[in-house]
Amino acid sequence: MRIPTARVFQPLLGAARYKGAYGGRGSGKSHFFGELLVEQCLAQRGMRAVCIREVQRTLAQSSKALIEAKIEKLEVSGSFRVMSDRIEGPGDGLIIFNGMQDHTAESLKSLEGFSVAWVEEAQSLSERSLSLLRPTIRMGGSEIWFSWNPTRRQDAVDKFLRGWVDENGKRTPPPENAIVVKANWRDNPWFPPVLEDERQLEKKLYPERYDHTWEGGYARAFEGAYFAVLLEEARRQGRIGKIAADPLLPRRAFFDLGGAGAHADAMAIWIIQWVGQQILVLDYIEGVGQVLAYYVNELRAKGYEKAVCHLPHDGLVANSVTGKRYWDHLRDAGFRVETPVPNQGRGAAMQRIEAVRRIMSKCWFNEATTEVGREALGFYHEKRDTDRNVGLGPEHDWSSHACDAFGLMAICYEEPGRGRAFGRKLKYPALGYA
């Protein structure tokens, strides 16, 4: 049996412990792996395979229907027996469908006799699930396949199969026994006209989403995203690039405070300069579960030891361990700390969002050092009640902390020549008048 294969996927026909295909819609990633799975079941009688998603509450959320369609298309239905919850293959072979989220190391032991695991929608796979899955699929010559549309650079599958750079600039390469390809619509020789029409429509109506949806770029926008269009506008206008700080003006550090516990919220810090009518966004720092000393050292190591620190209202709340406030700790560390912004009460999140919308046209981002923060700004979105089609305010997720800190900056921002200087008493002798 010969199955036509797009050139982009041909490297994946060779043997490798890990195989990955990532990219946007219309590339045929899932179709390739579905056909490869059927082919290998026919070639290796008795082969056992598991198709995995991070969350799979019903089989309708699995790749079962796709594999059934491939069996039908390849005209090999006589070699398979489609059951309600599994597909039986030649020689007592088996294809099953699992969600990883509710598994433990103990419950996964049932997969130890499986020789292929295919993780579909792998961008959703958690670090925990990946670490459980890899040692479970352990037969000699076994393979783990991944197909995904990238969402974040920090997603477990991206870090594992595309490599990543830590906060110290150290790069961790992907495994040597991995074959990974990028596949997009232009790599699909069978790309249908109806999808071409959809691609062009997306490019025209939703340019901020196009790169992620069709070109396999990281997500910079989400349905209901507050700032995605503004960030795309900044990119088009050339306000995301190489930005140099003004050496004569103070740098400012705007915080969203996190904790030091294992399940604490992230700490987010934006480094900003107000220069004339421009807001220079110079750097972004984020961490989870770290003590305040970690961030103090980060600020010093990056040359921000003279930064003016701006804290939210909880900067005046005493720490349950030390009894001191964040405001006190930072002052003791030698930083100048402005009086924390008072609690804005109900509606504070929307006040910050509107403040960011007002000042975003003034923002210039240093591309290399603010990527993670900009990713959060683009993702930050409204939570919706889909039954009633009403907004419920900002969704609290991984992107919230960066956006809260950026919103604090927008609330504090004062245009040159305004703010504190407005309405001041003029002292004419000081201006050179008699």
Protein backbone atom coordinates (compact mmCIF):
# COMPACT_ATOMS: atom_id res chain seq x y z
CA MET A 1 0.00 0.00 0.00
CA ARG A 2 1.37 3.41 -1.03
CA ILE A 3 0.06 6.52 0.74
CA PRO A 4 0.84 9.89 -0.91
CA THR A 5 2.81 12.00 1.57
CA ALA A 6 3.51 15.73 1.43
CA ARG A 7 7.22 16.46 1.14
CA VAL A 8 7.27 18.36 4.44
CA PHE A 9 6.31 15.19 6.36
CA GLN A 10 8.69 12.76 4.66
CA PRO A 11 11.42 13.13 7.35
CA LEU A 12 8.87 11.74 9.83
CA LEU A 13 8.71 8.45 7.95
CA GLY A 14 12.11 7.51 9.39
CA ALA A 15 12.62 5.91 12.79
CA ALA A 16 12.90 8.22 15.82
CA ARG A 17 11.91 8.09 19.46
CA TYR A 18 10.13 11.47 19.18
CA LYS A 19 8.35 12.81 16.12
CA GLY A 20 6.72 16.22 15.99
CA ALA A 21 4.86 18.37 13.49
CA TYR A 22 3.79 21.89 14.39
CA GLY A 23 2.23 24.74 12.46
CA GLY A 24 -1.01 26.43 11.51
CA ARG A 25 -4.30 25.27 10.07
CA GLY A 26 -4.60 23.48 6.77
CA SER A 27 -1.16 21.85 6.87
CA GLY A 28 -2.47 18.28 7.19
CA LYS A 29 -0.57 17.44 10.40
CA SER A 30 -3.35 15.36 11.92
CA HIS A 31 -4.14 13.69 8.60
CA PHE A 32 -0.50 12.65 8.19
CA PHE A 33 -0.24 11.08 11.66
CA GLY A 34 -3.65 9.43 11.29
CA GLU A 35 -2.57 7.73 8.06
CA LEU A 36 0.84 6.83 9.50
CA LEU A 37 -0.85 5.15 12.46
CA VAL A 38 -3.11 3.05 10.22
CA GLU A 39 -0.14 2.11 8.03
CA GLN A 40 1.97 1.00 10.99
CA CYS A 41 -0.88 -1.06 12.44
CA LEU A 42 -1.06 -2.93 9.13
CA ALA A 43 2.72 -3.36 8.91
CA GLN A 44 3.21 -4.46 12.55
CA ARG A 45 0.51 -6.95 13.44
CA GLY A 46 -0.45 -6.79 17.08
CA MET A 47 0.78 -3.20 17.49
CA ARG A 48 -0.77 -1.26 20.33
CA ALA A 49 -1.16 2.52 20.10
CA VAL A 50 -2.70 5.21 22.29
CA CYS A 51 -4.02 8.54 21.05
CA ILE A 52 -3.72 11.17 23.75
CA ARG A 53 -5.02 14.62 24.57
CA GLU A 54 -4.46 16.56 27.76
CA VAL A 55 -8.22 16.77 28.36
CA GLN A 56 -10.61 14.25 26.83
CA ARG A 57 -13.98 14.06 28.50
CA THR A 58 -15.66 12.19 25.64
CA LEU A 59 -14.51 10.26 22.58
CA ALA A 60 -15.94 13.09 20.48
CA GLN A 61 -12.94 15.12 21.67
CA SER A 62 -10.49 12.43 20.51
CA SER A 63 -8.93 11.58 17.13
CA LYS A 64 -11.03 8.41 16.88
CA ALA A 65 -13.31 9.78 14.13
CA LEU A 66 -10.29 10.88 12.09
CA ILE A 67 -8.68 7.43 12.27
CA GLU A 68 -11.96 5.76 11.34
CA ALA A 69 -12.16 8.05 8.29
CA LYS A 70 -8.59 7.12 7.31
CA ILE A 71 -9.35 3.41 7.59
CA GLU A 72 -12.33 3.94 5.29
CA LYS A 73 -10.40 6.12 2.82
CA LEU A 74 -7.49 3.67 2.57
CA GLU A 75 -9.97 0.83 1.99
CA VAL A 76 -8.64 -1.37 4.78
CA SER A 77 -11.84 -1.68 6.82
CA GLY A 78 -11.59 -5.47 6.64
CA SER A 79 -8.41 -5.38 8.75
CA PHE A 80 -9.90 -3.29 11.58
CA ARG A 81 -12.84 -3.62 13.92
CA VAL A 82 -14.24 -0.29 15.10
CA MET A 83 -15.72 -0.51 18.61
CA SER A 84 -17.50 2.16 20.61
CA ASP A 85 -14.45 3.07 22.70
CA ARG A 86 -11.49 1.60 20.76
CA ILE A 87 -10.33 0.28 17.40
CA GLU A 88 -9.06 -3.29 17.13
CA GLY A 89 -6.35 -3.91 14.53
CA PRO A 90 -4.67 -6.85 12.78
CA GLY A 91 -3.20 -9.59 14.99
CA ASP A 92 -4.94 -8.44 18.18
CA GLY A 93 -3.65 -4.90 17.65
CA LEU A 94 -5.35 -2.09 19.51
CA ILE A 95 -5.83 1.69 19.31
CA ILE A 96 -7.23 3.38 22.41
CA PHE A 97 -7.97 7.01 23.31
CA ASN A 98 -7.01 8.64 26.60
CA GLY A 99 -6.95 12.01 28.34
CA MET A 100 -3.84 12.67 30.43
CA GLN A 101 -5.17 15.17 32.94
CA ASP A 102 -6.65 12.66 35.39
CA HIS A 103 -3.90 10.05 35.14
CA THR A 104 -1.26 9.23 37.72
CA ALA A 105 2.00 7.33 37.32
CA GLU A 106 0.21 4.27 38.71
CA SER A 107 -2.78 4.45 36.35
CA LEU A 108 -0.52 4.92 33.32
CA LYS A 109 1.20 1.58 33.89
CA SER A 110 -1.44 0.00 31.67
CA LEU A 111 0.24 1.70 28.70
CA GLU A 112 3.64 0.08 29.21
CA GLY A 113 2.98 -2.46 26.45
CA PHE A 114 2.15 0.19 23.86
CA SER A 115 4.63 0.99 21.11
CA VAL A 116 3.14 4.26 19.79
CA ALA A 117 1.64 7.24 21.58
CA TRP A 118 0.25 10.11 19.50
CA VAL A 119 -0.39 13.36 21.37
CA GLU A 120 -2.86 15.47 19.42
CA GLU A 121 -3.34 19.19 20.27
CA ALA A 122 -0.05 18.83 22.12
CA GLN A 123 0.17 22.56 22.91
CA SER A 124 -2.25 21.81 25.76
CA LEU A 125 -0.08 19.05 27.25
CA SER A 126 1.15 20.02 30.71
CA GLU A 127 4.69 19.56 32.02
CA ARG A 128 3.31 16.99 34.45
CA SER A 129 1.62 14.96 31.72
CA LEU A 130 4.70 15.00 29.50
CA SER A 131 6.94 13.84 32.36
CA LEU A 132 4.50 10.99 33.13
CA LEU A 133 4.06 9.90 29.52
CA ARG A 134 7.68 9.68 28.35
CA PRO A 135 8.91 6.90 30.68
CA THR A 136 5.61 5.01 30.37
CA ILE A 137 5.98 4.32 26.63
CA ARG A 138 9.06 2.14 27.07
CA MET A 139 8.99 -0.78 24.63
CA GLY A 140 12.08 -1.20 22.46
CA GLY A 141 11.66 0.90 19.32
CA SER A 142 8.61 2.69 20.71
CA GLU A 143 7.75 6.16 19.47
CA ILE A 144 5.92 9.22 20.80
CA TRP A 145 4.35 11.55 18.24
CA PHE A 146 3.24 15.13 18.75
CA SER A 147 1.13 17.39 16.55
CA TRP A 148 0.29 20.93 17.60
CA ASN A 149 -0.38 24.54 16.74
CA PRO A 150 2.00 26.54 18.96
CA THR A 151 0.40 28.79 21.55
CA ARG A 152 3.18 29.85 23.92
CA ARG A 153 6.94 29.53 23.85
CA GLN A 154 6.71 28.19 27.43
CA ASP A 155 4.35 25.31 26.57
CA ALA A 156 5.78 21.96 27.59
CA VAL A 157 5.87 20.48 24.08
CA ASP A 158 7.53 23.58 22.62
CA LYS A 159 10.26 23.63 25.25
CA PHE A 160 10.85 19.89 24.83
CA LEU A 161 10.88 19.57 21.03
CA ARG A 162 11.99 23.04 19.90
CA GLY A 163 14.42 23.89 22.67
CA TRP A 164 14.25 26.83 25.03
CA VAL A 165 16.35 29.53 26.65
CA ASP A 166 16.16 30.05 30.43
CA GLU A 167 16.27 33.36 32.28
CA ASN A 168 20.08 33.22 32.34
CA GLY A 169 20.36 32.87 28.58
CA LYS A 170 21.28 29.18 28.66
CA ARG A 171 19.78 27.26 25.73
CA THR A 172 18.49 23.72 26.20
CA PRO A 173 18.36 21.99 22.77
CA PRO A 174 15.70 19.47 21.76
CA PRO A 175 16.45 15.72 22.16
CA GLU A 176 18.91 14.26 19.66
CA ASN A 177 16.56 11.36 18.93
CA ALA A 178 13.77 13.67 17.73
CA ILE A 179 12.56 14.60 14.25
CA VAL A 180 10.50 17.79 14.20
CA VAL A 181 9.06 19.61 11.19
CA LYS A 182 7.13 22.84 10.75
CA ALA A 183 4.17 22.49 8.39
CA ASN A 184 1.77 25.18 7.20
CA TRP A 185 -0.94 25.56 4.57
CA ARG A 186 1.57 26.22 1.77
CA ASP A 187 3.17 22.80 2.45
CA ASN A 188 -0.09 20.97 1.76
CA PRO A 189 -0.37 19.98 -1.93
CA TRP A 190 -4.05 19.16 -1.32
CA PHE A 191 -4.92 22.49 0.34
CA PRO A 192 -8.60 23.00 -0.64
CA PRO A 193 -10.00 26.21 -2.16
CA VAL A 194 -12.52 26.61 0.67
CA LEU A 195 -9.68 26.84 3.20
CA GLU A 196 -7.82 29.31 0.97
CA ASP A 197 -10.91 31.53 1.07
CA GLU A 198 -10.99 31.22 4.87
CA ARG A 199 -7.28 32.03 5.11
CA GLN A 200 -7.65 35.19 3.05
CA LEU A 201 -10.70 36.24 5.07
CA GLU A 202 -8.84 35.77 8.36
CA LYS A 203 -5.92 37.81 7.05
CA LYS A 204 -8.26 40.63 6.08
CA LEU A 205 -10.58 40.71 9.10
CA TYR A 206 -8.37 39.49 11.95
CA PRO A 207 -4.73 40.31 11.12
CA GLU A 208 -3.78 40.08 14.81
CA ARG A 209 -4.79 36.39 14.84
CA TYR A 210 -3.64 35.38 11.37
CA ASP A 211 -0.01 34.51 12.13
CA HIS A 212 -0.99 32.11 14.91
CA THR A 213 -3.96 30.56 13.14
CA TRP A 214 -2.43 29.98 9.70
CA GLU A 215 1.35 30.40 9.95
CA GLY A 216 2.04 28.53 13.19
CA GLY A 217 3.26 31.56 15.13
CA TYR A 218 2.78 31.90 18.85
CA ALA A 219 -0.62 33.24 19.89
CA ARG A 220 -0.68 37.00 20.23
CA ALA A 221 -4.44 37.32 20.31
CA PHE A 222 -7.41 35.56 21.86
CA GLU A 223 -11.13 35.95 21.37
CA GLY A 224 -12.12 38.89 23.54
CA ALA A 225 -8.46 39.97 23.94
CA TYR A 226 -8.18 43.49 25.31
CA PHE A 227 -4.87 44.57 23.82
CA ALA A 228 -4.15 42.28 20.86
CA VAL A 229 -5.24 44.76 18.20
CA LEU A 230 -3.24 47.55 19.86
CA LEU A 231 -0.10 45.36 19.92
CA GLU A 232 -0.55 44.47 16.26
CA GLU A 233 -0.88 48.17 15.49
CA ALA A 234 2.34 48.84 17.40
CA ARG A 235 4.12 46.20 15.32
CA ARG A 236 2.84 47.66 12.05
CA GLN A 237 3.92 51.15 13.11
CA GLY A 238 7.44 49.97 14.01
CA ARG A 239 7.02 50.52 17.76
CA ILE A 240 8.32 47.04 18.58
CA GLY A 241 12.04 46.78 17.92
CA LYS A 242 15.39 47.78 19.39
CA ILE A 243 14.77 50.47 22.01
CA ALA A 244 17.54 52.23 23.95
CA ALA A 245 17.01 53.78 27.37
CA ASP A 246 17.64 57.46 28.01
CA PRO A 247 20.67 57.56 30.36
CA LEU A 248 19.55 60.84 31.96
CA LEU A 249 16.05 59.82 32.97
CA PRO A 250 15.01 57.42 35.74
CA ARG A 251 13.88 53.91 35.02
CA ARG A 252 10.71 52.80 36.74
CA ALA A 253 9.78 49.30 37.92
CA PHE A 254 6.05 48.52 38.08
CA PHE A 255 5.12 45.46 40.12
CA ASP A 256 2.31 42.98 40.40
CA LEU A 257 3.07 41.14 43.61
CA GLY A 258 3.18 37.35 43.86
CA GLY A 259 4.09 34.97 46.64
CA ALA A 260 6.85 32.54 47.48
CA GLY A 261 4.77 29.41 47.95
CA ALA A 262 4.52 26.46 45.57
CA HIS A 263 1.04 27.52 44.45
CA ALA A 264 1.54 31.28 44.65
CA ASP A 265 0.70 33.72 41.89
CA ALA A 266 3.46 34.97 39.62
CA MET A 267 5.40 38.16 40.36
CA ALA A 268 5.54 40.47 37.34
CA ILE A 269 7.75 43.55 36.86
CA TRP A 270 7.85 45.96 33.90
CA ILE A 271 10.82 48.29 33.47
CA ILE A 272 9.63 51.56 31.96
CA GLN A 273 10.93 55.02 31.06
CA TRP A 274 8.77 58.05 30.42
CA VAL A 275 10.61 60.06 27.77
CA GLY A 276 8.82 63.10 26.39
CA GLN A 277 5.58 61.88 24.83
CA GLN A 278 6.89 58.33 24.60
CA ILE A 279 6.67 55.42 27.02
CA LEU A 280 9.71 53.19 26.56
CA VAL A 281 8.99 49.60 27.63
CA LEU A 282 12.51 48.35 28.25
CA ASP A 283 12.26 44.98 30.00
CA TYR A 284 10.00 42.43 31.64
CA ILE A 285 10.75 40.15 34.60
CA GLU A 286 8.52 37.35 35.85
CA GLY A 287 8.85 34.48 38.30
CA VAL A 288 6.74 32.05 40.27
CA GLY A 289 7.31 30.87 43.83
CA GLN A 290 10.42 33.01 44.38
CA VAL A 291 11.16 35.12 47.44
CA LEU A 292 11.51 38.89 47.06
CA ALA A 293 15.31 38.65 47.28
CA TYR A 294 15.30 36.83 43.95
CA TYR A 295 13.69 39.81 42.21
CA VAL A 296 15.95 42.29 43.99
CA ASN A 297 18.95 40.37 42.64
CA GLU A 298 17.38 40.27 39.16
CA LEU A 299 16.89 44.04 39.16
CA ARG A 300 20.46 44.62 40.31
CA ALA A 301 21.93 42.12 37.82
CA LYS A 302 20.14 43.90 34.96
CA GLY A 303 21.37 47.32 36.06
CA TYR A 304 18.09 48.54 37.54
CA GLU A 305 19.31 49.11 41.10
CA LYS A 306 18.35 52.80 40.82
CA ALA A 307 14.90 52.12 39.41
CA VAL A 308 11.98 53.88 41.05
CA CYS A 309 9.65 51.13 42.30
CA HIS A 310 5.88 51.43 41.99
CA LEU A 311 3.76 48.96 43.98
CA PRO A 312 0.03 48.17 44.01
CA HIS A 313 -1.98 48.74 47.18
CA ASP A 314 -0.96 45.37 48.69
CA GLY A 315 2.62 46.62 48.84
CA LEU A 316 1.61 47.99 52.24
CA VAL A 317 0.36 44.63 53.53
CA ALA A 318 2.64 43.02 56.11
CA ASN A 319 4.28 39.73 55.15
CA SER A 320 2.93 36.85 57.27
CA VAL A 321 6.46 35.52 57.85
CA THR A 322 8.65 38.61 58.28
CA GLY A 323 5.99 41.03 59.51
CA LYS A 324 7.37 43.65 57.10
CA ARG A 325 5.77 45.13 54.00
CA TYR A 326 7.05 44.86 50.44
CA TRP A 327 7.44 48.62 50.60
CA ASP A 328 9.77 48.23 53.62
CA HIS A 329 11.77 45.38 52.08
CA LEU A 330 12.48 47.26 48.86
CA ARG A 331 13.46 50.43 50.73
CA ASP A 332 15.79 48.37 52.94
CA ALA A 333 17.35 46.98 49.75
CA GLY A 334 18.24 50.51 48.67
CA PHE A 335 15.46 51.19 46.17
CA ARG A 336 13.44 54.36 45.98
CA VAL A 337 9.82 53.31 46.43
CA GLU A 338 6.86 55.52 45.59
CA THR A 339 3.81 55.46 47.85
CA PRO A 340 1.72 52.46 46.67
CA VAL A 341 -1.35 53.19 44.60
CA PRO A 342 -4.48 53.08 46.80
CA ASN A 343 -6.94 50.23 46.37
CA GLN A 344 -9.19 51.24 43.50
CA GLY A 345 -12.02 49.05 44.75
CA ARG A 346 -14.54 47.26 42.55
CA GLY A 347 -13.88 47.74 38.88
CA ALA A 348 -10.14 48.23 39.39
CA ALA A 349 -9.23 45.72 36.67
CA MET A 350 -11.35 47.50 34.07
CA GLN A 351 -9.88 50.86 35.14
CA ARG A 352 -6.41 49.48 34.43
CA ILE A 353 -7.55 48.09 31.06
CA GLU A 354 -8.98 51.44 29.98
CA ALA A 355 -5.85 53.22 31.17
CA VAL A 356 -3.69 50.91 29.04
CA ARG A 357 -5.91 51.50 26.00
CA ARG A 358 -5.45 55.27 26.42
CA ILE A 359 -1.66 55.17 26.55
CA MET A 360 -0.78 52.21 24.28
CA SER A 361 -0.22 54.45 21.26
CA LYS A 362 2.65 56.07 23.17
CA CYS A 363 4.38 52.76 23.99
CA TRP A 364 7.59 51.61 22.31
CA PHE A 365 8.65 48.04 23.19
CA ASN A 366 12.17 46.65 23.25
CA GLU A 367 11.47 43.47 21.29
CA ALA A 368 14.17 41.16 22.64
CA THR A 369 13.51 41.69 26.37
CA THR A 370 9.72 42.11 26.47
CA GLU A 371 8.56 39.13 24.41
CA VAL A 372 7.14 37.15 27.32
CA GLY A 373 5.35 40.19 28.69
CA ARG A 374 3.93 41.14 25.29
CA GLU A 375 2.71 37.58 24.88
CA ALA A 376 0.72 38.02 28.09
CA LEU A 377 -0.63 41.41 26.99
CA GLY A 378 -1.86 39.88 23.74
CA PHE A 379 -3.49 36.92 25.47
CA TYR A 380 -5.26 38.81 28.28
CA HIS A 381 -8.95 38.48 27.52
CA GLU A 382 -12.49 38.71 28.74
CA LYS A 383 -14.19 35.81 30.45
CA ARG A 384 -17.58 35.16 28.90
CA ASP A 385 -20.80 33.41 29.84
CA THR A 386 -21.36 31.60 26.55
CA ASP A 387 -24.95 30.68 27.40
CA ARG A 388 -25.98 34.31 27.86
CA ASN A 389 -23.27 35.80 25.60
CA VAL A 390 -22.24 38.36 28.20
CA GLY A 391 -18.83 39.43 29.42
CA LEU A 392 -17.78 38.64 32.99
CA GLY A 393 -14.68 40.80 33.22
CA PRO A 394 -11.03 39.81 32.79
CA GLU A 395 -10.15 36.11 32.91
CA HIS A 396 -7.70 35.43 35.74
CA ASP A 397 -5.00 33.20 34.25
CA TRP A 398 -1.26 33.16 33.56
CA SER A 399 -1.48 36.44 31.62
CA SER A 400 -3.18 38.44 34.39
CA HIS A 401 -0.08 39.31 36.39
CA ALA A 402 1.86 40.94 33.56
CA CYS A 403 -1.26 42.88 32.57
CA ASP A 404 -1.98 44.04 36.12
CA ALA A 405 1.57 45.40 36.41
CA PHE A 406 1.30 47.09 33.01
CA GLY A 407 -2.07 48.51 34.03
CA LEU A 408 -0.49 49.94 37.18
CA MET A 409 2.01 51.77 34.96
CA ALA A 410 -0.83 53.18 32.86
CA ILE A 411 -2.66 54.39 36.00
CA CYS A 412 0.50 56.08 37.30
CA TYR A 413 1.56 57.63 33.98
CA GLU A 414 1.75 61.42 33.83
CA GLU A 415 2.30 63.25 30.58
CA PRO A 416 5.23 65.71 30.60
CA GLY A 417 4.13 69.22 31.52
CA ARG A 418 0.99 67.96 33.22
CA GLY A 419 0.08 66.19 36.44
CA ARG A 420 1.95 67.49 39.44
CA ALA A 421 3.13 70.67 37.67
CA PHE A 422 -0.41 71.68 36.72
CA GLY A 423 -1.72 74.69 38.65
CA ARG A 424 1.57 75.27 40.49
CA LYS A 425 2.41 78.74 41.81
CA LEU A 426 4.82 80.55 39.49
CA LYS A 427 7.90 82.00 41.15
CA TYR A 428 8.92 84.76 38.76
CA PRO A 429 12.31 85.62 40.34
CA ALA A 430 13.37 82.01 39.83
CA LEU A 431 12.49 82.38 36.17
CA GLY A 432 14.73 85.43 35.75
CA TYR A 433 12.12 88.17 36.17
CA ALA A 434 12.59 91.06 38.63
